[in-house]
């Protein structure tokens, strides 16, 4: 008796799923073909990108919470950190959902080398500017502590971008040797 009711429930849920999918297709919509790549998060590139996102977020929130507009070079630090943070989040989501595999025309390894290489150079300038701007701050004030922390996190973000550049370069180099 119980098996009959369970089989009716199973068959009705299957019918509901097929009717929903046919309704979606009849409206001209399709199912998402994006997949979740759990291995990406555990890869070296995924770990570096997670570090880039976390450290970049800390850089611009620590500076953004102070009166950084009085020190003009910190505007450059804000630009670099926000710009690369947004692009890194977008790339992270592309790799996480494997959407990058749907566009094989883009040389993703070369894009990764150029993107991470430029980010590491610009984050190096941002960390130096942050460190030099500490001379303007009054020691012991809240913004001095925030600027010190942002200098450290900008340096860590730069190390993550440089590490990711190395990973992409090694991947690109190994594919070139296979040809």
N, C-alpha and C. Protein backbone atom coordinates (compact mmCIF):
# COMPACT_ATOMS: atom_id res chain seq x y z
N UNK A 1 0.82 -1.19 0.00
CA UNK A 1 0.00 0.00 0.00
C UNK A 1 0.87 1.26 0.00
N UNK A 2 1.91 1.23 0.85
CA UNK A 2 2.78 2.40 0.93
C UNK A 2 3.56 2.57 -0.36
N UNK A 3 3.96 1.48 -0.98
CA UNK A 3 4.72 1.56 -2.22
C UNK A 3 3.90 2.20 -3.33
N UNK A 4 2.58 1.91 -3.36
CA UNK A 4 1.73 2.50 -4.39
C UNK A 4 1.66 4.01 -4.24
N UNK A 5 1.53 4.50 -3.01
CA UNK A 5 1.44 5.95 -2.82
C UNK A 5 2.78 6.62 -3.14
N UNK A 6 3.90 5.94 -2.82
CA UNK A 6 5.20 6.51 -3.14
C UNK A 6 5.42 6.56 -4.64
N UNK A 7 5.00 5.53 -5.34
CA UNK A 7 5.19 5.51 -6.80
C UNK A 7 4.33 6.57 -7.47
N UNK A 8 3.10 6.81 -6.90
CA UNK A 8 2.26 7.87 -7.45
C UNK A 8 2.90 9.24 -7.24
N UNK A 9 3.51 9.43 -6.09
CA UNK A 9 4.18 10.71 -5.80
C UNK A 9 5.36 10.89 -6.74
N UNK A 10 6.17 9.82 -6.92
CA UNK A 10 7.33 9.90 -7.81
C UNK A 10 6.91 10.18 -9.24
N UNK A 11 5.87 9.50 -9.72
CA UNK A 11 5.46 9.70 -11.11
C UNK A 11 4.83 11.07 -11.30
N UNK A 12 4.13 11.58 -10.28
CA UNK A 12 3.53 12.91 -10.43
C UNK A 12 4.60 13.99 -10.41
N UNK A 13 5.67 13.81 -9.62
CA UNK A 13 6.73 14.82 -9.61
C UNK A 13 7.50 14.79 -10.92
N UNK A 14 7.66 13.61 -11.53
CA UNK A 14 8.32 13.51 -12.82
C UNK A 14 7.48 14.18 -13.89
N UNK A 15 6.17 13.98 -13.83
CA UNK A 15 5.27 14.61 -14.78
C UNK A 15 5.32 16.13 -14.63
N UNK A 16 5.36 16.61 -13.37
CA UNK A 16 5.42 18.04 -13.14
C UNK A 16 6.71 18.63 -13.71
N UNK A 17 7.81 17.91 -13.56
CA UNK A 17 9.09 18.42 -14.07
C UNK A 17 9.09 18.49 -15.58
N UNK A 18 8.57 17.48 -16.23
CA UNK A 18 8.57 17.49 -17.69
C UNK A 18 7.61 18.54 -18.22
N UNK A 19 6.49 18.73 -17.54
CA UNK A 19 5.56 19.75 -18.01
C UNK A 19 6.12 21.14 -17.79
N UNK A 20 6.88 21.34 -16.71
CA UNK A 20 7.51 22.63 -16.48
C UNK A 20 8.58 22.91 -17.53
N UNK A 21 9.37 21.89 -17.86
CA UNK A 21 10.42 22.10 -18.86
C UNK A 21 9.81 22.35 -20.24
N UNK A 22 8.70 21.67 -20.55
CA UNK A 22 8.07 21.92 -21.84
C UNK A 22 7.43 23.31 -21.85
N UNK A 23 6.93 23.77 -20.71
CA UNK A 23 6.39 25.13 -20.65
C UNK A 23 7.49 26.16 -20.86
N UNK A 24 8.64 25.92 -20.29
CA UNK A 24 9.77 26.85 -20.46
C UNK A 24 10.19 26.90 -21.92
N UNK A 25 10.28 25.72 -22.54
CA UNK A 25 10.69 25.66 -23.94
C UNK A 25 9.64 26.27 -24.85
N UNK A 26 8.36 26.13 -24.51
CA UNK A 26 7.31 26.71 -25.35
C UNK A 26 7.32 28.23 -25.28
N UNK A 27 7.85 28.78 -24.20
CA UNK A 27 7.95 30.23 -24.09
C UNK A 27 9.20 30.78 -24.78
N UNK A 28 10.00 29.90 -25.34
CA UNK A 28 11.21 30.34 -26.02
C UNK A 28 12.39 30.49 -25.07
N UNK A 29 12.23 30.03 -23.85
CA UNK A 29 13.31 30.10 -22.88
C UNK A 29 14.01 28.75 -22.83
N UNK A 30 15.23 28.76 -22.36
CA UNK A 30 15.94 27.49 -22.24
C UNK A 30 16.53 27.35 -20.85
N UNK A 31 16.93 26.16 -20.53
CA UNK A 31 17.56 25.90 -19.24
C UNK A 31 18.98 26.46 -19.27
N UNK A 32 19.47 26.78 -18.12
CA UNK A 32 20.85 27.26 -18.03
C UNK A 32 21.82 26.12 -18.30
N UNK A 33 22.82 26.41 -19.08
CA UNK A 33 23.82 25.41 -19.39
C UNK A 33 25.08 25.64 -18.58
N UNK A 34 25.02 26.52 -17.59
CA UNK A 34 26.16 26.79 -16.74
C UNK A 34 26.29 25.69 -15.70
N UNK A 35 27.51 25.31 -15.45
CA UNK A 35 27.77 24.27 -14.46
C UNK A 35 28.68 24.83 -13.38
N UNK A 36 28.66 24.22 -12.24
CA UNK A 36 29.50 24.62 -11.12
C UNK A 36 30.77 23.79 -11.15
N UNK A 37 31.91 24.44 -11.13
CA UNK A 37 33.19 23.74 -11.15
C UNK A 37 33.82 23.82 -9.77
N UNK A 38 33.55 22.83 -8.94
CA UNK A 38 34.09 22.79 -7.58
C UNK A 38 35.60 22.61 -7.55
N UNK A 39 36.16 22.01 -8.60
CA UNK A 39 37.61 21.82 -8.65
C UNK A 39 38.34 23.14 -8.86
N UNK A 40 37.69 24.12 -9.46
CA UNK A 40 38.34 25.40 -9.69
C UNK A 40 38.70 26.08 -8.37
N UNK A 41 37.83 26.01 -7.40
CA UNK A 41 38.08 26.66 -6.11
C UNK A 41 39.29 26.03 -5.42
N UNK A 42 39.49 24.75 -5.62
CA UNK A 42 40.62 24.06 -5.00
C UNK A 42 41.91 24.16 -5.80
N UNK A 43 41.84 24.68 -7.03
CA UNK A 43 43.04 24.81 -7.85
C UNK A 43 43.86 26.01 -7.38
N UNK A 44 45.10 26.07 -7.83
CA UNK A 44 45.98 27.18 -7.45
C UNK A 44 45.41 28.50 -7.93
N UNK A 45 44.91 28.52 -9.15
CA UNK A 45 44.33 29.74 -9.69
C UNK A 45 43.10 30.18 -8.90
N UNK A 46 42.26 29.23 -8.50
CA UNK A 46 41.07 29.55 -7.71
C UNK A 46 41.43 30.10 -6.34
N UNK A 47 42.45 29.52 -5.70
CA UNK A 47 42.88 30.00 -4.39
C UNK A 47 43.45 31.41 -4.51
N UNK A 48 44.28 31.63 -5.55
CA UNK A 48 44.83 32.97 -5.76
C UNK A 48 43.72 33.99 -6.02
N UNK A 49 42.73 33.60 -6.84
CA UNK A 49 41.63 34.53 -7.13
C UNK A 49 40.81 34.84 -5.89
N UNK A 50 40.60 33.86 -5.05
CA UNK A 50 39.88 34.12 -3.80
C UNK A 50 40.68 35.09 -2.93
N UNK A 51 41.98 34.92 -2.87
CA UNK A 51 42.84 35.86 -2.14
C UNK A 51 42.79 37.25 -2.74
N UNK A 52 42.80 37.33 -4.06
CA UNK A 52 42.72 38.63 -4.74
C UNK A 52 41.42 39.34 -4.39
N UNK A 53 40.33 38.58 -4.37
CA UNK A 53 39.03 39.17 -4.07
C UNK A 53 38.98 39.67 -2.62
N UNK A 54 39.43 38.85 -1.70
CA UNK A 54 39.39 39.22 -0.28
C UNK A 54 40.31 40.40 0.01
N UNK A 55 41.56 40.32 -0.44
CA UNK A 55 42.52 41.39 -0.14
C UNK A 55 42.16 42.67 -0.88
N UNK A 56 41.68 42.56 -2.13
CA UNK A 56 41.25 43.75 -2.87
C UNK A 56 40.08 44.44 -2.19
N UNK A 57 39.13 43.64 -1.71
CA UNK A 57 37.98 44.20 -1.00
C UNK A 57 38.43 44.93 0.26
N UNK A 58 39.37 44.33 0.98
CA UNK A 58 39.87 44.98 2.20
C UNK A 58 40.60 46.28 1.89
N UNK A 59 41.34 46.32 0.79
CA UNK A 59 42.06 47.54 0.43
C UNK A 59 41.08 48.69 0.22
N UNK A 60 40.10 48.48 -0.66
CA UNK A 60 39.24 49.62 -0.97
C UNK A 60 38.24 49.95 0.13
N UNK A 61 37.85 48.98 0.95
CA UNK A 61 36.95 49.34 2.06
C UNK A 61 37.70 50.07 3.17
N UNK A 62 38.95 49.67 3.42
CA UNK A 62 39.73 50.37 4.46
C UNK A 62 40.05 51.80 4.06
N UNK A 63 40.37 52.02 2.80
CA UNK A 63 40.66 53.38 2.35
C UNK A 63 39.36 54.17 2.19
N UNK A 64 38.34 53.51 1.65
CA UNK A 64 37.06 54.20 1.44
C UNK A 64 36.39 54.66 2.71
N UNK A 65 36.73 54.06 3.83
CA UNK A 65 36.15 54.44 5.12
C UNK A 65 36.86 55.61 5.78
N UNK A 66 37.84 56.18 5.09
CA UNK A 66 38.58 57.31 5.66
C UNK A 66 38.39 58.54 4.78
N UNK A 67 39.04 59.62 5.15
CA UNK A 67 38.98 60.85 4.37
C UNK A 67 40.13 60.85 3.35
N UNK A 68 40.07 59.90 2.45
CA UNK A 68 41.16 59.72 1.50
C UNK A 68 41.19 60.80 0.42
N UNK A 69 40.11 61.54 0.25
CA UNK A 69 40.06 62.56 -0.80
C UNK A 69 41.01 63.73 -0.51
N UNK A 70 41.44 63.86 0.74
CA UNK A 70 42.38 64.92 1.08
C UNK A 70 43.81 64.57 0.65
N UNK A 71 44.03 63.30 0.37
CA UNK A 71 45.34 62.84 -0.10
C UNK A 71 45.12 62.29 -1.51
N UNK A 72 45.44 63.09 -2.51
CA UNK A 72 45.10 62.76 -3.89
C UNK A 72 45.68 61.43 -4.39
N UNK A 73 46.89 61.05 -4.04
CA UNK A 73 47.39 59.76 -4.55
C UNK A 73 46.56 58.55 -4.10
N UNK A 74 45.83 58.68 -3.02
CA UNK A 74 45.00 57.55 -2.59
C UNK A 74 43.82 57.32 -3.53
N UNK A 75 43.49 58.32 -4.34
CA UNK A 75 42.47 58.13 -5.37
C UNK A 75 42.92 57.08 -6.39
N UNK A 76 44.23 57.08 -6.70
CA UNK A 76 44.77 56.06 -7.59
C UNK A 76 44.66 54.67 -6.97
N UNK A 77 44.94 54.58 -5.70
CA UNK A 77 44.84 53.30 -4.99
C UNK A 77 43.39 52.80 -5.03
N UNK A 78 42.46 53.71 -4.81
CA UNK A 78 41.04 53.34 -4.87
C UNK A 78 40.66 52.87 -6.28
N UNK A 79 41.14 53.59 -7.29
CA UNK A 79 40.83 53.20 -8.66
C UNK A 79 41.35 51.80 -8.96
N UNK A 80 42.62 51.56 -8.65
CA UNK A 80 43.23 50.26 -8.93
C UNK A 80 42.49 49.16 -8.18
N UNK A 81 42.24 49.37 -6.90
CA UNK A 81 41.64 48.30 -6.10
C UNK A 81 40.19 48.01 -6.51
N UNK A 82 39.40 49.02 -6.76
CA UNK A 82 38.01 48.79 -7.15
C UNK A 82 37.93 48.20 -8.55
N UNK A 83 38.71 48.75 -9.48
CA UNK A 83 38.70 48.29 -10.87
C UNK A 83 39.07 46.81 -10.95
N UNK A 84 40.18 46.45 -10.35
CA UNK A 84 40.61 45.05 -10.43
C UNK A 84 39.77 44.13 -9.56
N UNK A 85 39.18 44.65 -8.50
CA UNK A 85 38.30 43.82 -7.69
C UNK A 85 37.06 43.42 -8.49
N UNK A 86 36.46 44.39 -9.17
CA UNK A 86 35.25 44.10 -9.96
C UNK A 86 35.58 43.11 -11.08
N UNK A 87 36.67 43.35 -11.81
CA UNK A 87 37.03 42.45 -12.90
C UNK A 87 37.39 41.05 -12.39
N UNK A 88 38.03 40.98 -11.24
CA UNK A 88 38.38 39.68 -10.67
C UNK A 88 37.14 38.91 -10.25
N UNK A 89 36.17 39.59 -9.68
CA UNK A 89 34.91 38.92 -9.30
C UNK A 89 34.22 38.38 -10.56
N UNK A 90 34.21 39.17 -11.62
CA UNK A 90 33.58 38.71 -12.87
C UNK A 90 34.30 37.49 -13.42
N UNK A 91 35.64 37.55 -13.48
CA UNK A 91 36.40 36.41 -13.98
C UNK A 91 36.23 35.19 -13.08
N UNK A 92 36.18 35.41 -11.77
CA UNK A 92 35.99 34.31 -10.83
C UNK A 92 34.66 33.61 -11.11
N UNK A 93 33.60 34.39 -11.32
CA UNK A 93 32.30 33.79 -11.62
C UNK A 93 32.30 33.09 -12.97
N UNK A 94 33.01 33.64 -13.95
CA UNK A 94 33.11 32.98 -15.25
C UNK A 94 33.78 31.62 -15.13
N UNK A 95 34.87 31.57 -14.36
CA UNK A 95 35.58 30.30 -14.19
C UNK A 95 34.79 29.34 -13.30
N UNK A 96 34.15 29.86 -12.29
CA UNK A 96 33.40 29.01 -11.37
C UNK A 96 32.21 28.34 -12.05
N UNK A 97 31.57 29.05 -12.94
CA UNK A 97 30.41 28.50 -13.66
C UNK A 97 30.81 27.85 -14.99
N UNK A 98 32.09 27.83 -15.27
CA UNK A 98 32.64 27.27 -16.51
C UNK A 98 32.08 27.95 -17.76
N UNK A 99 31.66 29.19 -17.62
CA UNK A 99 31.14 29.94 -18.77
C UNK A 99 32.26 30.28 -19.75
N UNK A 100 33.49 30.30 -19.28
CA UNK A 100 34.61 30.60 -20.17
C UNK A 100 34.80 29.52 -21.24
N UNK A 101 34.32 28.33 -20.98
CA UNK A 101 34.45 27.24 -21.96
C UNK A 101 33.46 27.41 -23.12
N UNK A 102 32.49 28.28 -22.95
CA UNK A 102 31.51 28.53 -24.01
C UNK A 102 32.03 29.52 -25.03
N UNK A 103 33.19 30.15 -24.73
CA UNK A 103 33.79 31.11 -25.65
C UNK A 103 35.23 30.66 -25.93
N UNK A 104 35.40 29.66 -26.77
CA UNK A 104 36.75 29.13 -27.01
C UNK A 104 37.62 30.06 -27.87
N UNK A 105 37.02 31.08 -28.47
CA UNK A 105 37.78 31.99 -29.32
C UNK A 105 38.72 32.88 -28.51
N UNK A 106 38.44 33.05 -27.23
CA UNK A 106 39.28 33.89 -26.38
C UNK A 106 40.41 33.04 -25.83
N UNK A 107 41.66 33.48 -25.99
CA UNK A 107 42.78 32.74 -25.40
C UNK A 107 42.85 33.04 -23.90
N UNK A 108 42.20 32.22 -23.10
CA UNK A 108 42.02 32.50 -21.68
C UNK A 108 43.33 32.53 -20.91
N UNK A 109 44.29 31.71 -21.30
CA UNK A 109 45.58 31.73 -20.60
C UNK A 109 46.32 33.04 -20.85
N UNK A 110 46.31 33.51 -22.09
CA UNK A 110 46.98 34.78 -22.40
C UNK A 110 46.24 35.92 -21.73
N UNK A 111 44.91 35.87 -21.72
CA UNK A 111 44.12 36.87 -21.02
C UNK A 111 44.47 36.88 -19.53
N UNK A 112 44.61 35.70 -18.94
CA UNK A 112 44.98 35.60 -17.53
C UNK A 112 46.36 36.16 -17.26
N UNK A 113 47.30 35.89 -18.15
CA UNK A 113 48.66 36.42 -17.99
C UNK A 113 48.64 37.95 -18.04
N UNK A 114 47.97 38.50 -19.05
CA UNK A 114 47.92 39.96 -19.21
C UNK A 114 47.17 40.63 -18.06
N UNK A 115 46.02 40.07 -17.71
CA UNK A 115 45.20 40.66 -16.65
C UNK A 115 45.92 40.62 -15.31
N UNK A 116 46.41 39.45 -14.92
CA UNK A 116 47.06 39.32 -13.62
C UNK A 116 48.41 40.03 -13.60
N UNK A 117 49.12 40.04 -14.72
CA UNK A 117 50.39 40.76 -14.78
C UNK A 117 50.20 42.25 -14.61
N UNK A 118 49.22 42.81 -15.31
CA UNK A 118 48.96 44.25 -15.16
C UNK A 118 48.44 44.56 -13.77
N UNK A 119 47.63 43.68 -13.22
CA UNK A 119 47.12 43.92 -11.87
C UNK A 119 48.25 43.88 -10.85
N UNK A 120 49.19 42.96 -11.01
CA UNK A 120 50.29 42.90 -10.03
C UNK A 120 51.17 44.14 -10.12
N UNK A 121 51.42 44.65 -11.33
CA UNK A 121 52.23 45.87 -11.47
C UNK A 121 51.49 47.07 -10.88
N UNK A 122 50.21 47.21 -11.19
CA UNK A 122 49.45 48.36 -10.68
C UNK A 122 49.21 48.26 -9.18
N UNK A 123 49.04 47.04 -8.66
CA UNK A 123 48.92 46.89 -7.20
C UNK A 123 50.24 47.19 -6.51
N UNK A 124 51.36 46.94 -7.19
CA UNK A 124 52.66 47.31 -6.63
C UNK A 124 52.74 48.82 -6.49
N UNK A 125 52.31 49.55 -7.53
CA UNK A 125 52.31 51.01 -7.44
C UNK A 125 51.34 51.48 -6.36
N UNK A 126 50.20 50.81 -6.25
CA UNK A 126 49.22 51.19 -5.23
C UNK A 126 49.76 50.97 -3.82
N UNK A 127 50.46 49.86 -3.61
CA UNK A 127 51.03 49.59 -2.28
C UNK A 127 52.11 50.61 -1.94
N UNK A 128 52.93 50.98 -2.92
CA UNK A 128 53.97 51.99 -2.68
C UNK A 128 53.33 53.33 -2.38
N UNK A 129 52.32 53.71 -3.15
CA UNK A 129 51.63 54.99 -2.91
C UNK A 129 50.97 54.99 -1.54
N UNK A 130 50.37 53.87 -1.17
CA UNK A 130 49.76 53.76 0.17
C UNK A 130 50.81 53.95 1.25
N UNK A 131 51.96 53.32 1.08
CA UNK A 131 53.02 53.42 2.08
C UNK A 131 53.57 54.84 2.17
N UNK A 132 53.73 55.49 1.03
CA UNK A 132 54.25 56.87 1.02
C UNK A 132 53.22 57.83 1.62
N UNK A 133 51.95 57.55 1.41
CA UNK A 133 50.89 58.43 1.92
C UNK A 133 50.78 58.37 3.44
N UNK A 134 51.41 57.41 4.06
CA UNK A 134 51.37 57.33 5.52
C UNK A 134 52.07 58.52 6.16
N UNK A 135 52.97 59.17 5.44
CA UNK A 135 53.65 60.35 5.98
C UNK A 135 52.68 61.50 6.23
N UNK A 136 51.59 61.54 5.47
CA UNK A 136 50.59 62.60 5.61
C UNK A 136 49.70 62.35 6.82
N UNK A 137 49.49 61.10 7.15
CA UNK A 137 48.57 60.74 8.23
C UNK A 137 49.20 61.02 9.60
N UNK A 138 48.34 61.29 10.54
CA UNK A 138 48.78 61.51 11.92
C UNK A 138 48.76 60.17 12.63
N UNK A 139 49.91 59.83 13.20
CA UNK A 139 50.06 58.52 13.85
C UNK A 139 49.05 58.39 15.00
N UNK A 140 48.38 57.23 15.05
CA UNK A 140 47.43 56.96 16.11
C UNK A 140 45.98 57.26 15.74
N UNK A 141 45.78 58.03 14.68
CA UNK A 141 44.41 58.30 14.23
C UNK A 141 43.86 57.07 13.53
N UNK A 142 42.53 56.97 13.45
CA UNK A 142 41.91 55.78 12.87
C UNK A 142 42.29 55.62 11.40
N UNK A 143 42.42 56.72 10.67
CA UNK A 143 42.74 56.58 9.25
C UNK A 143 44.19 56.17 9.05
N UNK A 144 45.08 56.48 9.99
CA UNK A 144 46.46 56.01 9.89
C UNK A 144 46.49 54.48 9.98
N UNK A 145 45.76 53.95 10.91
CA UNK A 145 45.71 52.49 11.08
C UNK A 145 45.07 51.84 9.85
N UNK A 146 44.02 52.46 9.31
CA UNK A 146 43.38 51.93 8.10
C UNK A 146 44.32 51.97 6.91
N UNK A 147 45.10 53.04 6.79
CA UNK A 147 46.03 53.14 5.67
C UNK A 147 47.19 52.16 5.81
N UNK A 148 47.63 51.90 7.03
CA UNK A 148 48.67 50.89 7.23
C UNK A 148 48.13 49.51 6.83
N UNK A 149 46.93 49.21 7.28
CA UNK A 149 46.32 47.92 6.94
C UNK A 149 46.10 47.80 5.43
N UNK A 150 45.66 48.88 4.79
CA UNK A 150 45.43 48.83 3.34
C UNK A 150 46.75 48.66 2.59
N UNK A 151 47.84 49.20 3.12
CA UNK A 151 49.15 48.98 2.51
C UNK A 151 49.53 47.51 2.56
N UNK A 152 49.30 46.89 3.69
CA UNK A 152 49.61 45.47 3.85
C UNK A 152 48.74 44.63 2.93
N UNK A 153 47.44 44.92 2.89
CA UNK A 153 46.54 44.14 2.05
C UNK A 153 46.78 44.38 0.57
N UNK A 154 47.19 45.59 0.19
CA UNK A 154 47.55 45.85 -1.21
C UNK A 154 48.78 45.03 -1.60
N UNK A 155 49.71 44.91 -0.67
CA UNK A 155 50.89 44.08 -0.94
C UNK A 155 50.51 42.61 -1.07
N UNK A 156 49.62 42.15 -0.23
CA UNK A 156 49.17 40.75 -0.32
C UNK A 156 48.38 40.50 -1.61
N UNK A 157 47.57 41.47 -2.01
CA UNK A 157 46.84 41.33 -3.27
C UNK A 157 47.81 41.28 -4.44
N UNK A 158 48.87 42.10 -4.38
CA UNK A 158 49.88 42.09 -5.43
C UNK A 158 50.57 40.73 -5.51
N UNK A 159 50.86 40.13 -4.37
CA UNK A 159 51.49 38.80 -4.34
C UNK A 159 50.53 37.76 -4.94
N UNK A 160 49.25 37.86 -4.64
CA UNK A 160 48.27 36.92 -5.21
C UNK A 160 48.18 37.07 -6.73
N UNK A 161 48.13 38.31 -7.21
CA UNK A 161 48.08 38.53 -8.66
C UNK A 161 49.36 38.03 -9.33
N UNK A 162 50.51 38.26 -8.71
CA UNK A 162 51.77 37.78 -9.28
C UNK A 162 51.80 36.25 -9.29
N UNK A 163 51.32 35.62 -8.23
CA UNK A 163 51.26 34.16 -8.19
C UNK A 163 50.34 33.60 -9.26
N UNK A 164 49.21 34.26 -9.46
CA UNK A 164 48.27 33.82 -10.48
C UNK A 164 48.84 34.02 -11.87
N UNK A 165 49.62 35.08 -12.06
CA UNK A 165 50.30 35.28 -13.34
C UNK A 165 51.24 34.12 -13.62
N UNK A 166 51.96 33.69 -12.59
CA UNK A 166 52.87 32.55 -12.74
C UNK A 166 52.12 31.28 -13.09
N UNK A 167 50.98 31.05 -12.45
CA UNK A 167 50.17 29.85 -12.74
C UNK A 167 49.70 29.87 -14.20
N UNK A 168 49.18 31.01 -14.65
CA UNK A 168 48.71 31.11 -16.03
C UNK A 168 49.87 30.97 -17.02
N UNK A 169 51.03 31.54 -16.67
CA UNK A 169 52.19 31.44 -17.56
C UNK A 169 52.64 29.98 -17.68
N UNK A 170 52.68 29.26 -16.58
CA UNK A 170 53.09 27.86 -16.62
C UNK A 170 52.09 27.03 -17.41
N UNK A 171 50.81 27.31 -17.26
CA UNK A 171 49.79 26.59 -18.03
C UNK A 171 49.93 26.89 -19.51
N UNK A 172 50.13 28.15 -19.85
CA UNK A 172 50.29 28.55 -21.25
C UNK A 172 51.55 27.93 -21.84
N UNK A 173 52.63 27.93 -21.06
CA UNK A 173 53.90 27.39 -21.53
C UNK A 173 53.79 25.88 -21.77
N UNK A 174 53.11 25.17 -20.90
CA UNK A 174 52.98 23.73 -21.06
C UNK A 174 52.12 23.40 -22.28
N UNK A 175 51.13 24.23 -22.59
CA UNK A 175 50.30 23.99 -23.78
C UNK A 175 51.07 24.32 -25.05
N UNK A 176 51.98 25.30 -24.99
CA UNK A 176 52.79 25.63 -26.17
C UNK A 176 53.79 24.53 -26.48
N UNK A 177 54.30 23.87 -25.46
CA UNK A 177 55.27 22.80 -25.66
C UNK A 177 54.61 21.55 -26.21
N UNK A 178 53.30 21.40 -25.97
CA UNK A 178 52.59 20.23 -26.48
C UNK A 178 52.38 20.29 -27.99
N UNK A 179 52.42 21.48 -28.53
CA UNK A 179 52.12 21.65 -29.99
C UNK A 179 53.26 21.21 -30.85
